[in-house]
PDB file of N, CA and C in Angstrom:
ATOM      1  N   MET A   1       0.848  -1.180   0.000  1.00  0.00           N
ATOM      2  CA  MET A   1       0.000   0.000   0.000  1.00  0.00           C
ATOM      3  C   MET A   1       0.892   1.241   0.000  1.00  0.00           C
ATOM      4  N   ILE A   2       0.480   2.207  -0.750  1.00  0.00           N
ATOM      5  CA  ILE A   2       1.184   3.483  -0.796  1.00  0.00           C
ATOM      6  C   ILE A   2       0.495   4.424   0.183  1.00  0.00           C
ATOM      7  N   ARG A   3       1.278   5.051   1.035  1.00  0.00           N
ATOM      8  CA  ARG A   3       0.745   5.925   2.074  1.00  0.00           C
ATOM      9  C   ARG A   3       0.910   7.393   1.667  1.00  0.00           C
ATOM     10  N   LYS A   4      -0.195   8.132   1.760  1.00  0.00           N
ATOM     11  CA  LYS A   4      -0.151   9.578   1.552  1.00  0.00           C
ATOM     12  C   LYS A   4      -0.923  10.235   2.690  1.00  0.00           C
ATOM     13  N   TRP A   5      -0.407  11.353   3.160  1.00  0.00           N
ATOM     14  CA  TRP A   5      -1.079  12.128   4.199  1.00  0.00           C
ATOM     15  C   TRP A   5      -1.504  13.471   3.618  1.00  0.00           C
ATOM     16  N   PHE A   6      -2.675  13.927   4.057  1.00  0.00           N
ATOM     17  CA  PHE A   6      -3.219  15.193   3.579  1.00  0.00           C
ATOM     18  C   PHE A   6      -3.754  16.012   4.746  1.00  0.00           C
ATOM     19  N   LYS A   7      -3.495  17.293   4.703  1.00  0.00           N
ATOM     20  CA  LYS A   7      -4.085  18.231   5.657  1.00  0.00           C
ATOM     21  C   LYS A   7      -5.243  18.904   4.937  1.00  0.00           C
ATOM     22  N   ILE A   8      -6.420  18.895   5.591  1.00  0.00           N
ATOM     23  CA  ILE A   8      -7.605  19.495   4.993  1.00  0.00           C
ATOM     24  C   ILE A   8      -8.301  20.344   6.048  1.00  0.00           C
ATOM     25  N   ASN A   9      -9.362  21.016   5.668  1.00  0.00           N
ATOM     26  CA  ASN A   9     -10.172  21.750   6.637  1.00  0.00           C
ATOM     27  C   ASN A   9     -10.924  20.749   7.507  1.00  0.00           C
ATOM     28  N   LYS A  10     -11.013  21.043   8.801  1.00  0.00           N
ATOM     29  CA  LYS A  10     -11.697  20.127   9.723  1.00  0.00           C
ATOM     30  C   LYS A  10     -13.116  19.816   9.274  1.00  0.00           C
ATOM     31  N   GLY A  11     -13.805  20.805   8.750  1.00  0.00           N
ATOM     32  CA  GLY A  11     -15.184  20.608   8.325  1.00  0.00           C
ATOM     33  C   GLY A  11     -15.333  19.734   7.099  1.00  0.00           C
ATOM     34  N   ASP A  12     -14.239  19.461   6.412  1.00  0.00           N
ATOM     35  CA  ASP A  12     -14.280  18.651   5.189  1.00  0.00           C
ATOM     36  C   ASP A  12     -13.878  17.196   5.405  1.00  0.00           C
ATOM     37  N   ILE A  13     -13.484  16.833   6.620  1.00  0.00           N
ATOM     38  CA  ILE A  13     -13.012  15.466   6.874  1.00  0.00           C
ATOM     39  C   ILE A  13     -14.049  14.438   6.431  1.00  0.00           C
ATOM     40  N   THR A  14     -15.268  14.593   6.890  1.00  0.00           N
ATOM     41  CA  THR A  14     -16.297  13.583   6.630  1.00  0.00           C
ATOM     42  C   THR A  14     -16.583  13.431   5.143  1.00  0.00           C
ATOM     43  N   ILE A  15     -16.774  14.535   4.443  1.00  0.00           N
ATOM     44  CA  ILE A  15     -17.152  14.451   3.025  1.00  0.00           C
ATOM     45  C   ILE A  15     -15.999  13.916   2.176  1.00  0.00           C
ATOM     46  N   VAL A  16     -14.773  14.352   2.450  1.00  0.00           N
ATOM     47  CA  VAL A  16     -13.630  13.868   1.674  1.00  0.00           C
ATOM     48  C   VAL A  16     -13.426  12.370   1.928  1.00  0.00           C
ATOM     49  N   GLN A  17     -13.541  11.960   3.179  1.00  0.00           N
ATOM     50  CA  GLN A  17     -13.408  10.538   3.499  1.00  0.00           C
ATOM     51  C   GLN A  17     -14.519   9.730   2.828  1.00  0.00           C
ATOM     52  N   PHE A  18     -15.730  10.244   2.860  1.00  0.00           N
ATOM     53  CA  PHE A  18     -16.865   9.567   2.227  1.00  0.00           C
ATOM     54  C   PHE A  18     -16.653   9.415   0.722  1.00  0.00           C
ATOM     55  N   ILE A  19     -16.201  10.478   0.074  1.00  0.00           N
ATOM     56  CA  ILE A  19     -15.972  10.436  -1.379  1.00  0.00           C
ATOM     57  C   ILE A  19     -14.895   9.406  -1.717  1.00  0.00           C
ATOM     58  N   LEU A  20     -13.766   9.467  -1.023  1.00  0.00           N
ATOM     59  CA  LEU A  20     -12.675   8.536  -1.321  1.00  0.00           C
ATOM     60  C   LEU A  20     -13.074   7.088  -1.072  1.00  0.00           C
ATOM     61  N   GLU A  21     -13.767   6.839   0.021  1.00  0.00           N
ATOM     62  CA  GLU A  21     -14.164   5.471   0.321  1.00  0.00           C
ATOM     63  C   GLU A  21     -15.274   4.983  -0.607  1.00  0.00           C
ATOM     64  N   GLY A  22     -15.926   5.895  -1.311  1.00  0.00           N
ATOM     65  CA  GLY A  22     -16.934   5.513  -2.287  1.00  0.00           C
ATOM     66  C   GLY A  22     -16.333   4.770  -3.471  1.00  0.00           C
ATOM     67  N   TYR A  23     -15.046   4.966  -3.688  1.00  0.00           N
ATOM     68  CA  TYR A  23     -14.338   4.221  -4.734  1.00  0.00           C
ATOM     69  C   TYR A  23     -13.818   2.937  -4.085  1.00  0.00           C
ATOM     70  N   GLU A  24     -14.723   2.001  -3.861  1.00  0.00           N
ATOM     71  CA  GLU A  24     -14.396   0.783  -3.131  1.00  0.00           C
ATOM     72  C   GLU A  24     -13.231   0.031  -3.753  1.00  0.00           C
ATOM     73  N   GLY A  25     -12.344  -0.402  -2.898  1.00  0.00           N
ATOM     74  CA  GLY A  25     -11.231  -1.223  -3.331  1.00  0.00           C
ATOM     75  C   GLY A  25     -10.000  -0.459  -3.775  1.00  0.00           C
ATOM     76  N   LEU A  26     -10.093   0.870  -3.881  1.00  0.00           N
ATOM     77  CA  LEU A  26      -8.930   1.645  -4.314  1.00  0.00           C
ATOM     78  C   LEU A  26      -8.097   2.138  -3.148  1.00  0.00           C
ATOM     79  N   VAL A  27      -8.766   2.599  -2.089  1.00  0.00           N
ATOM     80  CA  VAL A  27      -8.069   3.229  -0.972  1.00  0.00           C
ATOM     81  C   VAL A  27      -8.712   2.845   0.353  1.00  0.00           C
ATOM     82  N   THR A  28      -7.947   3.077   1.403  1.00  0.00           N
ATOM     83  CA  THR A  28      -8.445   3.051   2.765  1.00  0.00           C
ATOM     84  C   THR A  28      -8.096   4.407   3.361  1.00  0.00           C
ATOM     85  N   VAL A  29      -9.058   5.052   3.999  1.00  0.00           N
ATOM     86  CA  VAL A  29      -8.849   6.388   4.542  1.00  0.00           C
ATOM     87  C   VAL A  29      -8.982   6.339   6.054  1.00  0.00           C
ATOM     88  N   SER A  30      -8.037   6.976   6.747  1.00  0.00           N
ATOM     89  CA  SER A  30      -8.074   7.078   8.202  1.00  0.00           C
ATOM     90  C   SER A  30      -7.817   8.518   8.604  1.00  0.00           C
ATOM     91  N   THR A  31      -8.483   8.955   9.645  1.00  0.00           N
ATOM     92  CA  THR A  31      -8.201  10.271  10.214  1.00  0.00           C
ATOM     93  C   THR A  31      -7.081  10.083  11.220  1.00  0.00           C
ATOM     94  N   ILE A  32      -5.921  10.644  10.918  1.00  0.00           N
ATOM     95  CA  ILE A  32      -4.758  10.527  11.790  1.00  0.00           C
ATOM     96  C   ILE A  32      -4.917  11.439  12.993  1.00  0.00           C
ATOM     97  N   ASP A  33      -5.357  12.673  12.741  1.00  0.00           N
ATOM     98  CA  ASP A  33      -5.538  13.641  13.824  1.00  0.00           C
ATOM     99  C   ASP A  33      -6.740  14.515  13.492  1.00  0.00           C
ATOM    100  N   PRO A  34      -7.870  14.315  14.172  1.00  0.00           N
ATOM    101  CA  PRO A  34      -9.064  15.102  13.858  1.00  0.00           C
ATOM    102  C   PRO A  34      -8.943  16.576  14.236  1.00  0.00           C
ATOM    103  N   GLN A  35      -8.081  16.891  15.197  1.00  0.00           N
ATOM    104  CA  GLN A  35      -7.925  18.289  15.614  1.00  0.00           C
ATOM    105  C   GLN A  35      -7.197  19.117  14.563  1.00  0.00           C
ATOM    106  N   THR A  36      -6.196  18.530  13.930  1.00  0.00           N
ATOM    107  CA  THR A  36      -5.462  19.251  12.890  1.00  0.00           C
ATOM    108  C   THR A  36      -5.884  18.825  11.490  1.00  0.00           C
ATOM    109  N   ALA A  37      -6.873  17.935  11.418  1.00  0.00           N
ATOM    110  CA  ALA A  37      -7.479  17.486  10.157  1.00  0.00           C
ATOM    111  C   ALA A  37      -6.455  16.873   9.205  1.00  0.00           C
ATOM    112  N   ILE A  38      -5.799  15.828   9.685  1.00  0.00           N
ATOM    113  CA  ILE A  38      -4.839  15.098   8.862  1.00  0.00           C
ATOM    114  C   ILE A  38      -5.424  13.733   8.524  1.00  0.00           C
ATOM    115  N   LEU A  39      -5.511  13.465   7.221  1.00  0.00           N
ATOM    116  CA  LEU A  39      -6.014  12.181   6.737  1.00  0.00           C
ATOM    117  C   LEU A  39      -4.864  11.355   6.189  1.00  0.00           C
ATOM    118  N   GLN A  40      -4.924  10.063   6.429  1.00  0.00           N
ATOM    119  CA  GLN A  40      -4.009   9.126   5.798  1.00  0.00           C
ATOM    120  C   GLN A  40      -4.789   8.363   4.740  1.00  0.00           C
ATOM    121  N   VAL A  41      -4.242   8.321   3.539  1.00  0.00           N
ATOM    122  CA  VAL A  41      -4.853   7.569   2.450  1.00  0.00           C
ATOM    123  C   VAL A  41      -3.877   6.467   2.064  1.00  0.00           C
ATOM    124  N   LEU A  42      -4.334   5.226   2.209  1.00  0.00           N
ATOM    125  CA  LEU A  42      -3.538   4.073   1.795  1.00  0.00           C
ATOM    126  C   LEU A  42      -4.070   3.618   0.442  1.00  0.00           C
ATOM    127  N   ILE A  43      -3.177   3.576  -0.534  1.00  0.00           N
ATOM    128  CA  ILE A  43      -3.565   3.337  -1.925  1.00  0.00           C
ATOM    129  C   ILE A  43      -2.971   2.009  -2.407  1.00  0.00           C
ATOM    130  N   ILE A  44      -3.811   1.212  -3.033  1.00  0.00           N
ATOM    131  CA  ILE A  44      -3.323  -0.017  -3.662  1.00  0.00           C
ATOM    132  C   ILE A  44      -2.449   0.399  -4.852  1.00  0.00           C
ATOM    133  N   PRO A  45      -1.199  -0.062  -4.900  1.00  0.00           N
ATOM    134  CA  PRO A  45      -0.259   0.406  -5.925  1.00  0.00           C
ATOM    135  C   PRO A  45      -0.776   0.342  -7.355  1.00  0.00           C
ATOM    136  N   GLU A  46      -1.564  -0.673  -7.688  1.00  0.00           N
ATOM    137  CA  GLU A  46      -2.073  -0.807  -9.050  1.00  0.00           C
ATOM    138  C   GLU A  46      -3.014   0.336  -9.441  1.00  0.00           C
ATOM    139  N   PHE A  47      -3.538   1.054  -8.452  1.00  0.00           N
ATOM    140  CA  PHE A  47      -4.521   2.102  -8.720  1.00  0.00           C
ATOM    141  C   PHE A  47      -3.998   3.506  -8.448  1.00  0.00           C
ATOM    142  N   ILE A  48      -2.682   3.659  -8.293  1.00  0.00           N
ATOM    143  CA  ILE A  48      -2.125   4.966  -7.931  1.00  0.00           C
ATOM    144  C   ILE A  48      -2.483   6.050  -8.944  1.00  0.00           C
ATOM    145  N   GLU A  49      -2.441   5.746 -10.229  1.00  0.00           N
ATOM    146  CA  GLU A  49      -2.764   6.761 -11.241  1.00  0.00           C
ATOM    147  C   GLU A  49      -4.226   7.184 -11.144  1.00  0.00           C
ATOM    148  N   ASP A  50      -5.128   6.230 -10.949  1.00  0.00           N
ATOM    149  CA  ASP A  50      -6.550   6.543 -10.807  1.00  0.00           C
ATOM    150  C   ASP A  50      -6.797   7.399  -9.570  1.00  0.00           C
ATOM    151  N   VAL A  51      -6.165   7.034  -8.474  1.00  0.00           N
ATOM    152  CA  VAL A  51      -6.359   7.775  -7.228  1.00  0.00           C
ATOM    153  C   VAL A  51      -5.766   9.177  -7.343  1.00  0.00           C
ATOM    154  N   ASP A  52      -4.638   9.321  -8.021  1.00  0.00           N
ATOM    155  CA  ASP A  52      -4.061  10.652  -8.225  1.00  0.00           C
ATOM    156  C   ASP A  52      -5.023  11.562  -8.995  1.00  0.00           C
ATOM    157  N   VAL A  53      -5.727  11.017  -9.979  1.00  0.00           N
ATOM    158  CA  VAL A  53      -6.721  11.805 -10.724  1.00  0.00           C
ATOM    159  C   VAL A  53      -7.861  12.225  -9.798  1.00  0.00           C
ATOM    160  N   ILE A  54      -8.328  11.299  -8.979  1.00  0.00           N
ATOM    161  CA  ILE A  54      -9.402  11.606  -8.031  1.00  0.00           C
ATOM    162  C   ILE A  54      -8.944  12.680  -7.053  1.00  0.00           C
ATOM    163  N   LEU A  55      -7.741  12.532  -6.516  1.00  0.00           N
ATOM    164  CA  LEU A  55      -7.225  13.517  -5.559  1.00  0.00           C
ATOM    165  C   LEU A  55      -7.043  14.885  -6.203  1.00  0.00           C
ATOM    166  N   ASP A  56      -6.568  14.922  -7.440  1.00  0.00           N
ATOM    167  CA  ASP A  56      -6.432  16.207  -8.142  1.00  0.00           C
ATOM    168  C   ASP A  56      -7.782  16.892  -8.285  1.00  0.00           C
ATOM    169  N   HIS A  57      -8.810  16.119  -8.583  1.00  0.00           N
ATOM    170  CA  HIS A  57     -10.161  16.686  -8.690  1.00  0.00           C
ATOM    171  C   HIS A  57     -10.636  17.195  -7.331  1.00  0.00           C
ATOM    172  N   LEU A  58     -10.389  16.433  -6.285  1.00  0.00           N
ATOM    173  CA  LEU A  58     -10.800  16.865  -4.948  1.00  0.00           C
ATOM    174  C   LEU A  58     -10.064  18.141  -4.524  1.00  0.00           C
ATOM    175  N   LYS A  59      -8.811  18.277  -4.949  1.00  0.00           N
ATOM    176  CA  LYS A  59      -8.048  19.491  -4.622  1.00  0.00           C
ATOM    177  C   LYS A  59      -8.668  20.725  -5.264  1.00  0.00           C
ATOM    178  N   ASP A  60      -9.400  20.539  -6.364  1.00  0.00           N
ATOM    179  CA  ASP A  60     -10.109  21.658  -6.994  1.00  0.00           C
ATOM    180  C   ASP A  60     -11.350  22.044  -6.191  1.00  0.00           C
ATOM    181  N   GLN A  61     -11.900  21.096  -5.431  1.00  0.00           N
ATOM    182  CA  GLN A  61     -13.144  21.322  -4.698  1.00  0.00           C
ATOM    183  C   GLN A  61     -12.923  21.678  -3.221  1.00  0.00           C
ATOM    184  N   PHE A  62     -11.842  21.178  -2.644  1.00  0.00           N
ATOM    185  CA  PHE A  62     -11.570  21.348  -1.226  1.00  0.00           C
ATOM    186  C   PHE A  62     -10.128  21.809  -1.042  1.00  0.00           C
ATOM    187  N   LYS A  63      -9.874  22.419   0.103  1.00  0.00           N
ATOM    188  CA  LYS A  63      -8.497  22.808   0.419  1.00  0.00           C
ATOM    189  C   LYS A  63      -7.790  21.567   0.958  1.00  0.00           C
ATOM    190  N   ILE A  64      -6.984  20.947   0.113  1.00  0.00           N
ATOM    191  CA  ILE A  64      -6.272  19.725   0.458  1.00  0.00           C
ATOM    192  C   ILE A  64      -4.800  19.935   0.150  1.00  0.00           C
ATOM    193  N   GLN A  65      -3.980  19.691   1.166  1.00  0.00           N
ATOM    194  CA  GLN A  65      -2.539  19.866   1.005  1.00  0.00           C
ATOM    195  C   GLN A  65      -1.844  18.561   1.352  1.00  0.00           C
ATOM    196  N   GLU A  66      -1.094  18.020   0.403  1.00  0.00           N
ATOM    197  CA  GLU A  66      -0.367  16.786   0.681  1.00  0.00           C
ATOM    198  C   GLU A  66       0.792  17.084   1.617  1.00  0.00           C
ATOM    199  N   MET A  67       0.993  16.193   2.569  1.00  0.00           N
ATOM    200  CA  MET A  67       2.065  16.339   3.546  1.00  0.00           C
ATOM    201  C   MET A  67       3.128  15.281   3.287  1.00  0.00           C
ATOM    202  N   ALA A  68       4.323  15.556   3.736  1.00  0.00           N
ATOM    203  CA  ALA A  68       5.403  14.580   3.612  1.00  0.00           C
ATOM    204  C   ALA A  68       5.162  13.434   4.595  1.00  0.00           C
ATOM    205  N   THR A  69       5.450  12.232   4.153  1.00  0.00           N
ATOM    206  CA  THR A  69       5.429  11.066   5.027  1.00  0.00           C
ATOM    207  C   THR A  69       6.841  10.535   5.097  1.00  0.00           C
ATOM    208  N   ASP A  70       7.031   9.459   5.792  1.00  0.00           N
ATOM    209  CA  ASP A  70       8.364   8.899   5.913  1.00  0.00           C
ATOM    210  C   ASP A  70       8.790   8.145   4.649  1.00  0.00           C
ATOM    211  N   GLY A  71       7.891   8.048   3.666  1.00  0.00           N
ATOM    212  CA  GLY A  71       8.235   7.441   2.384  1.00  0.00           C
ATOM    213  C   GLY A  71       8.135   5.938   2.351  1.00  0.00           C
ATOM    214  N   ARG A  72       7.868   5.315   3.483  1.00  0.00           N
ATOM    215  CA  ARG A  72       7.758   3.854   3.500  1.00  0.00           C
ATOM    216  C   ARG A  72       6.363   3.438   3.058  1.00  0.00           C
ATOM    217  N   GLN A  73       6.283   2.271   2.465  1.00  0.00           N
ATOM    218  CA  GLN A  73       4.987   1.728   2.121  1.00  0.00           C
ATOM    219  C   GLN A  73       4.358   1.163   3.383  1.00  0.00           C
ATOM    220  N   ALA A  74       3.072   1.277   3.478  1.00  0.00           N
ATOM    221  CA  ALA A  74       2.349   0.764   4.635  1.00  0.00           C
ATOM    222  C   ALA A  74       2.010  -0.698   4.425  1.00  0.00           C
ATOM    223  N   SER A  75       2.025  -1.437   5.500  1.00  0.00           N
ATOM    224  CA  SER A  75       1.574  -2.827   5.420  1.00  0.00           C
ATOM    225  C   SER A  75       0.348  -2.966   6.290  1.00  0.00           C
ATOM    226  N   LEU A  76      -0.583  -3.798   5.860  1.00  0.00           N
ATOM    227  CA  LEU A  76      -1.809  -3.984   6.604  1.00  0.00           C
ATOM    228  C   LEU A  76      -1.795  -5.267   7.419  1.00  0.00           C
ATOM    229  N   CYS A  77      -0.623  -5.902   7.502  1.00  0.00           N
ATOM    230  CA  CYS A  77      -0.451  -7.153   8.269  1.00  0.00           C
ATOM    231  C   CYS A  77      -1.426  -8.176   7.781  1.00  0.00           C
TER     232      CYS A  77
END
């Protein structure tokens, strides 16, 4: 899984998470910190290009800023 973190507006957490999870099987979304509105998006590597298109579209609709991660791939055990 490819890990990406995003900082968004607190009021947008629910809708952005709902939209991303609506694309079943592409991503898993977790709220890392609800106070600072940081979302973690775990992406199945085969779908990275599709998810990047979705995220680019969401960036046009919501204030979403990608944050640096440690660069490691996430494992779901």
